[in-house]
C-alpha atoms as a PDB file:
ATOM      1  CA  UNK A   1      54.965 -40.112 -28.925  1.00  0.00           C
ATOM      2  CA  UNK A   2      58.528 -40.799 -27.829  1.00  0.00           C
ATOM      3  CA  UNK A   3      58.914 -42.920 -24.709  1.00  0.00           C
ATOM      4  CA  UNK A   4      61.480 -45.109 -22.957  1.00  0.00           C
ATOM      5  CA  UNK A   5      61.776 -48.553 -24.493  1.00  0.00           C
ATOM      6  CA  UNK A   6      60.757 -51.544 -22.412  1.00  0.00           C
ATOM      7  CA  UNK A   7      61.093 -55.314 -22.625  1.00  0.00           C
ATOM      8  CA  UNK A   8      57.913 -55.646 -24.711  1.00  0.00           C
ATOM      9  CA  UNK A   9      59.559 -53.485 -27.422  1.00  0.00           C
ATOM     10  CA  UNK A  10      62.497 -55.850 -27.942  1.00  0.00           C
ATOM     11  CA  UNK A  11      61.045 -57.838 -30.900  1.00  0.00           C
ATOM     12  CA  UNK A  12      60.201 -54.629 -32.781  1.00  0.00           C
ATOM     13  CA  UNK A  13      63.564 -53.040 -31.965  1.00  0.00           C
ATOM     14  CA  UNK A  14      65.237 -56.209 -33.282  1.00  0.00           C
ATOM     15  CA  UNK A  15      63.290 -55.787 -36.550  1.00  0.00           C
ATOM     16  CA  UNK A  16      64.490 -52.185 -36.839  1.00  0.00           C
ATOM     17  CA  UNK A  17      68.066 -53.205 -36.055  1.00  0.00           C
ATOM     18  CA  UNK A  18      67.740 -55.736 -38.895  1.00  0.00           C
ATOM     19  CA  UNK A  19      66.749 -52.928 -41.263  1.00  0.00           C
ATOM     20  CA  UNK A  20      69.819 -50.946 -40.219  1.00  0.00           C
ATOM     21  CA  UNK A  21      72.018 -53.995 -40.732  1.00  0.00           C
ATOM     22  CA  UNK A  22      70.677 -54.427 -44.270  1.00  0.00           C
ATOM     23  CA  UNK A  23      71.478 -50.782 -45.105  1.00  0.00           C
ATOM     24  CA  UNK A  24      74.970 -51.164 -43.656  1.00  0.00           C
ATOM     25  CA  UNK A  25      75.447 -54.428 -45.558  1.00  0.00           C
ATOM     26  CA  UNK A  26      74.447 -52.716 -48.809  1.00  0.00           C
ATOM     27  CA  UNK A  27      77.027 -49.955 -48.355  1.00  0.00           C
ATOM     28  CA  UNK A  28      79.776 -52.079 -46.741  1.00  0.00           C
ATOM     29  CA  UNK A  29      79.261 -55.808 -47.408  1.00  0.00           C
ATOM     30  CA  UNK A  30      82.940 -56.335 -46.612  1.00  0.00           C
ATOM     31  CA  UNK A  31      82.247 -55.363 -42.994  1.00  0.00           C
ATOM     32  CA  UNK A  32      78.561 -56.066 -42.315  1.00  0.00           C
ATOM     33  CA  UNK A  33      76.759 -59.396 -42.659  1.00  0.00           C
ATOM     34  CA  UNK A  34      73.481 -59.563 -44.589  1.00  0.00           C
ATOM     35  CA  UNK A  35      71.629 -60.990 -41.579  1.00  0.00           C
ATOM     36  CA  UNK A  36      72.003 -61.057 -37.844  1.00  0.00           C
ATOM     37  CA  UNK A  37      71.631 -58.609 -35.005  1.00  0.00           C
ATOM     38  CA  UNK A  38      73.730 -56.094 -33.136  1.00  0.00           C
ATOM     39  CA  UNK A  39      72.440 -57.570 -29.853  1.00  0.00           C
ATOM     40  CA  UNK A  40      70.927 -60.762 -28.572  1.00  0.00           C
ATOM     41  CA  UNK A  41      67.558 -60.160 -26.944  1.00  0.00           C
ATOM     42  CA  UNK A  42      69.181 -60.505 -23.501  1.00  0.00           C
ATOM     43  CA  UNK A  43      71.904 -57.980 -24.394  1.00  0.00           C
ATOM     44  CA  UNK A  44      69.237 -55.612 -25.683  1.00  0.00           C
ATOM     45  CA  UNK A  45      67.305 -55.984 -22.424  1.00  0.00           C
ATOM     46  CA  UNK A  46      70.490 -55.149 -20.494  1.00  0.00           C
ATOM     47  CA  UNK A  47      70.998 -52.023 -22.626  1.00  0.00           C
ATOM     48  CA  UNK A  48      67.381 -50.930 -22.134  1.00  0.00           C
ATOM     49  CA  UNK A  49      67.849 -51.202 -18.356  1.00  0.00           C
ATOM     50  CA  UNK A  50      71.166 -49.257 -18.319  1.00  0.00           C
ATOM     51  CA  UNK A  51      70.527 -45.667 -17.106  1.00  0.00           C
ATOM     52  CA  UNK A  52      73.702 -44.426 -18.880  1.00  0.00           C
ATOM     53  CA  UNK A  53      72.426 -45.848 -22.192  1.00  0.00           C
ATOM     54  CA  UNK A  54      68.764 -44.849 -22.476  1.00  0.00           C
ATOM     55  CA  UNK A  55      66.771 -46.313 -25.359  1.00  0.00           C
ATOM     56  CA  UNK A  56      63.638 -44.602 -26.636  1.00  0.00           C
ATOM     57  CA  UNK A  57      61.006 -45.578 -29.186  1.00  0.00           C
ATOM     58  CA  UNK A  58      58.730 -43.485 -31.366  1.00  0.00           C
ATOM     59  CA  UNK A  59      55.194 -44.813 -31.123  1.00  0.00           C
ATOM     60  CA  UNK A  60      52.315 -43.654 -33.339  1.00  0.00           C
ATOM     61  CA  UNK A  61      48.732 -43.075 -32.154  1.00  0.00           C
ATOM     62  CA  UNK A  62      47.882 -46.755 -32.790  1.00  0.00           C
ATOM     63  CA  UNK A  63      50.758 -47.968 -30.601  1.00  0.00           C
ATOM     64  CA  UNK A  64      53.014 -49.026 -33.488  1.00  0.00           C
ATOM     65  CA  UNK A  65      56.732 -48.498 -32.920  1.00  0.00           C
ATOM     66  CA  UNK A  66      58.006 -46.629 -35.992  1.00  0.00           C
ATOM     67  CA  UNK A  67      61.549 -45.909 -34.833  1.00  0.00           C
ATOM     68  CA  UNK A  68      64.079 -46.082 -32.060  1.00  0.00           C
ATOM     69  CA  UNK A  69      66.844 -43.980 -30.534  1.00  0.00           C
ATOM     70  CA  UNK A  70      69.790 -45.400 -28.562  1.00  0.00           C
ATOM     71  CA  UNK A  71      71.710 -42.821 -26.535  1.00  0.00           C
ATOM     72  CA  UNK A  72      74.923 -43.012 -24.514  1.00  0.00           C
ATOM     73  CA  UNK A  73      75.971 -40.378 -22.011  1.00  0.00           C
ATOM     74  CA  UNK A  74      79.757 -39.907 -21.985  1.00  0.00           C
ATOM     75  CA  UNK A  75      82.041 -37.728 -19.914  1.00  0.00           C
ATOM     76  CA  UNK A  76      85.590 -36.825 -20.918  1.00  0.00           C
ATOM     77  CA  UNK A  77      87.919 -36.835 -17.939  1.00  0.00           C
ATOM     78  CA  UNK A  78      91.625 -36.240 -17.617  1.00  0.00           C
ATOM     79  CA  UNK A  79      94.375 -36.187 -20.170  1.00  0.00           C
ATOM     80  CA  UNK A  80      94.392 -33.469 -22.801  1.00  0.00           C
ATOM     81  CA  UNK A  81      90.603 -33.323 -23.164  1.00  0.00           C
ATOM     82  CA  UNK A  82      88.395 -30.664 -21.653  1.00  0.00           C
ATOM     83  CA  UNK A  83      86.032 -32.113 -19.026  1.00  0.00           C
ATOM     84  CA  UNK A  84      82.898 -32.139 -21.169  1.00  0.00           C
ATOM     85  CA  UNK A  85      79.741 -34.207 -21.233  1.00  0.00           C
ATOM     86  CA  UNK A  86      78.621 -35.679 -24.554  1.00  0.00           C
ATOM     87  CA  UNK A  87      75.393 -37.321 -25.597  1.00  0.00           C
ATOM     88  CA  UNK A  88      76.187 -39.882 -28.285  1.00  0.00           C
ATOM     89  CA  UNK A  89      73.496 -41.205 -30.626  1.00  0.00           C
ATOM     90  CA  UNK A  90      74.462 -44.854 -30.858  1.00  0.00           C
ATOM     91  CA  UNK A  91      71.543 -45.732 -33.103  1.00  0.00           C
ATOM     92  CA  UNK A  92      68.671 -43.838 -34.694  1.00  0.00           C
ATOM     93  CA  UNK A  93      66.360 -45.807 -36.953  1.00  0.00           C
ATOM     94  CA  UNK A  94      63.045 -45.123 -38.629  1.00  0.00           C
ATOM     95  CA  UNK A  95      61.131 -48.035 -40.117  1.00  0.00           C
ATOM     96  CA  UNK A  96      61.651 -48.072 -43.887  1.00  0.00           C
ATOM     97  CA  UNK A  97      57.871 -47.801 -44.417  1.00  0.00           C
ATOM     98  CA  UNK A  98      57.656 -44.676 -42.227  1.00  0.00           C
ATOM     99  CA  UNK A  99      60.500 -42.635 -43.669  1.00  0.00           C
ATOM    100  CA  UNK A 100      59.651 -39.159 -44.895  1.00  0.00           C
ATOM    101  CA  UNK A 101      56.980 -38.629 -42.207  1.00  0.00           C
ATOM    102  CA  UNK A 102      59.187 -36.592 -39.869  1.00  0.00           C
ATOM    103  CA  UNK A 103      59.799 -39.432 -37.389  1.00  0.00           C
ATOM    104  CA  UNK A 104      63.587 -39.210 -37.747  1.00  0.00           C
ATOM    105  CA  UNK A 105      63.574 -35.464 -37.242  1.00  0.00           C
ATOM    106  CA  UNK A 106      61.430 -35.845 -34.106  1.00  0.00           C
ATOM    107  CA  UNK A 107      63.801 -38.483 -32.723  1.00  0.00           C
ATOM    108  CA  UNK A 108      66.790 -36.256 -33.496  1.00  0.00           C
ATOM    109  CA  UNK A 109      65.167 -33.194 -31.890  1.00  0.00           C
ATOM    110  CA  UNK A 110      64.320 -35.359 -28.857  1.00  0.00           C
ATOM    111  CA  UNK A 111      68.004 -36.375 -28.588  1.00  0.00           C
ATOM    112  CA  UNK A 112      69.025 -32.720 -28.858  1.00  0.00           C
ATOM    113  CA  UNK A 113      66.613 -31.789 -26.054  1.00  0.00           C
ATOM    114  CA  UNK A 114      67.976 -34.643 -23.909  1.00  0.00           C
ATOM    115  CA  UNK A 115      71.533 -33.409 -24.512  1.00  0.00           C
ATOM    116  CA  UNK A 116      70.510 -29.978 -23.231  1.00  0.00           C
ATOM    117  CA  UNK A 117      68.644 -31.536 -20.287  1.00  0.00           C
ATOM    118  CA  UNK A 118      71.729 -33.586 -19.342  1.00  0.00           C
ATOM    119  CA  UNK A 119      73.964 -30.488 -19.551  1.00  0.00           C
ATOM    120  CA  UNK A 120      75.961 -31.794 -22.506  1.00  0.00           C
ATOM    121  CA  UNK A 121      78.431 -29.764 -24.504  1.00  0.00           C
ATOM    122  CA  UNK A 122      77.455 -31.531 -27.726  1.00  0.00           C
ATOM    123  CA  UNK A 123      75.458 -34.265 -29.420  1.00  0.00           C
ATOM    124  CA  UNK A 124      77.514 -36.666 -31.529  1.00  0.00           C
ATOM    125  CA  UNK A 125      77.116 -39.789 -33.652  1.00  0.00           C
ATOM    126  CA  UNK A 126      78.909 -41.909 -36.226  1.00  0.00           C
ATOM    127  CA  UNK A 127      77.602 -42.357 -39.756  1.00  0.00           C
ATOM    128  CA  UNK A 128      79.065 -44.353 -42.636  1.00  0.00           C
ATOM    129  CA  UNK A 129      80.122 -42.069 -45.518  1.00  0.00           C
ATOM    130  CA  UNK A 130      78.601 -44.461 -48.027  1.00  0.00           C
ATOM    131  CA  UNK A 131      75.193 -44.162 -46.316  1.00  0.00           C
ATOM    132  CA  UNK A 132      74.474 -40.994 -48.263  1.00  0.00           C
ATOM    133  CA  UNK A 133      70.829 -40.738 -47.183  1.00  0.00           C
ATOM    134  CA  UNK A 134      71.822 -40.738 -43.510  1.00  0.00           C
ATOM    135  CA  UNK A 135      74.628 -38.240 -44.115  1.00  0.00           C
ATOM    136  CA  UNK A 136      72.205 -35.863 -45.865  1.00  0.00           C
ATOM    137  CA  UNK A 137      69.640 -36.287 -43.075  1.00  0.00           C
ATOM    138  CA  UNK A 138      72.124 -35.417 -40.327  1.00  0.00           C
ATOM    139  CA  UNK A 139      73.438 -32.453 -42.313  1.00  0.00           C
ATOM    140  CA  UNK A 140      69.841 -31.181 -42.632  1.00  0.00           C
ATOM    141  CA  UNK A 141      69.581 -31.489 -38.845  1.00  0.00           C
ATOM    142  CA  UNK A 142      72.559 -29.119 -38.569  1.00  0.00           C
ATOM    143  CA  UNK A 143      75.299 -31.634 -37.820  1.00  0.00           C
ATOM    144  CA  UNK A 144      78.781 -31.175 -39.253  1.00  0.00           C
ATOM    145  CA  UNK A 145      81.735 -33.583 -39.449  1.00  0.00           C
ATOM    146  CA  UNK A 146      83.890 -33.581 -36.329  1.00  0.00           C
ATOM    147  CA  UNK A 147      86.665 -35.920 -37.436  1.00  0.00           C
ATOM    148  CA  UNK A 148      87.351 -38.494 -40.128  1.00  0.00           C
ATOM    149  CA  UNK A 149      87.957 -42.190 -39.545  1.00  0.00           C
ATOM    150  CA  UNK A 150      90.061 -43.418 -42.494  1.00  0.00           C
ATOM    151  CA  UNK A 151      91.052 -46.870 -43.705  1.00  0.00           C
ATOM    152  CA  UNK A 152      93.214 -48.827 -46.096  1.00  0.00           C
ATOM    153  CA  UNK A 153      91.658 -52.189 -46.951  1.00  0.00           C
ATOM    154  CA  UNK A 154      94.323 -54.889 -46.799  1.00  0.00           C
ATOM    155  CA  UNK A 155      92.078 -57.771 -47.806  1.00  0.00           C
ATOM    156  CA  UNK A 156      91.879 -60.164 -44.868  1.00  0.00           C
ATOM    157  CA  UNK A 157      88.149 -60.517 -44.104  1.00  0.00           C
ATOM    158  CA  UNK A 158      87.521 -61.490 -40.503  1.00  0.00           C
ATOM    159  CA  UNK A 159      91.129 -60.902 -39.464  1.00  0.00           C
ATOM    160  CA  UNK A 160      92.358 -64.155 -41.049  1.00  0.00           C
ATOM    161  CA  UNK A 161      95.896 -64.878 -39.911  1.00  0.00           C
ATOM    162  CA  UNK A 162      95.670 -63.180 -36.523  1.00  0.00           C
ATOM    163  CA  UNK A 163      95.758 -65.183 -33.335  1.00  0.00           C
ATOM    164  CA  UNK A 164      93.657 -63.757 -30.506  1.00  0.00           C
ATOM    165  CA  UNK A 165      95.775 -61.119 -28.810  1.00  0.00           C
ATOM    166  CA  UNK A 166      98.907 -61.881 -30.890  1.00  0.00           C
ATOM    167  CA  UNK A 167      99.890 -58.638 -32.600  1.00  0.00           C
ATOM    168  CA  UNK A 168     103.693 -59.157 -32.625  1.00  0.00           C
END
């Protein structure tokens, strides 16, 4: 069952976010720490309560949360962009012990249905190129690259040498 996340889900969501962090750390240890969290518990509660950023969990028949889905509804306005509505998958995670059971596909299909329900033009997300398993999963779901985010690593971890706001 997929349902809206609530405050009682925060500890489990934090565990899942930790699993995602470990995967990201493995593929990009220069960017991601080995431990920590994307959100404090209070920040996560604020996100869960935000109607423009719905969070859902996948719960099995025994009430165990096996995955989560963070969505953000965006609307392009003005400038050179067409006025379109986008549903952005900010985070989709399946517990490492539950992978291969179809949970991720159900969460993705749920997001796709929500995008249609919200009248969105498209469903988008970001994925790290080095996270090959995630890239393959999203390609199997029918997603295709929209744009590339490229980098040249200069070698200053943590922005050493920059003063806050001083880019002169």
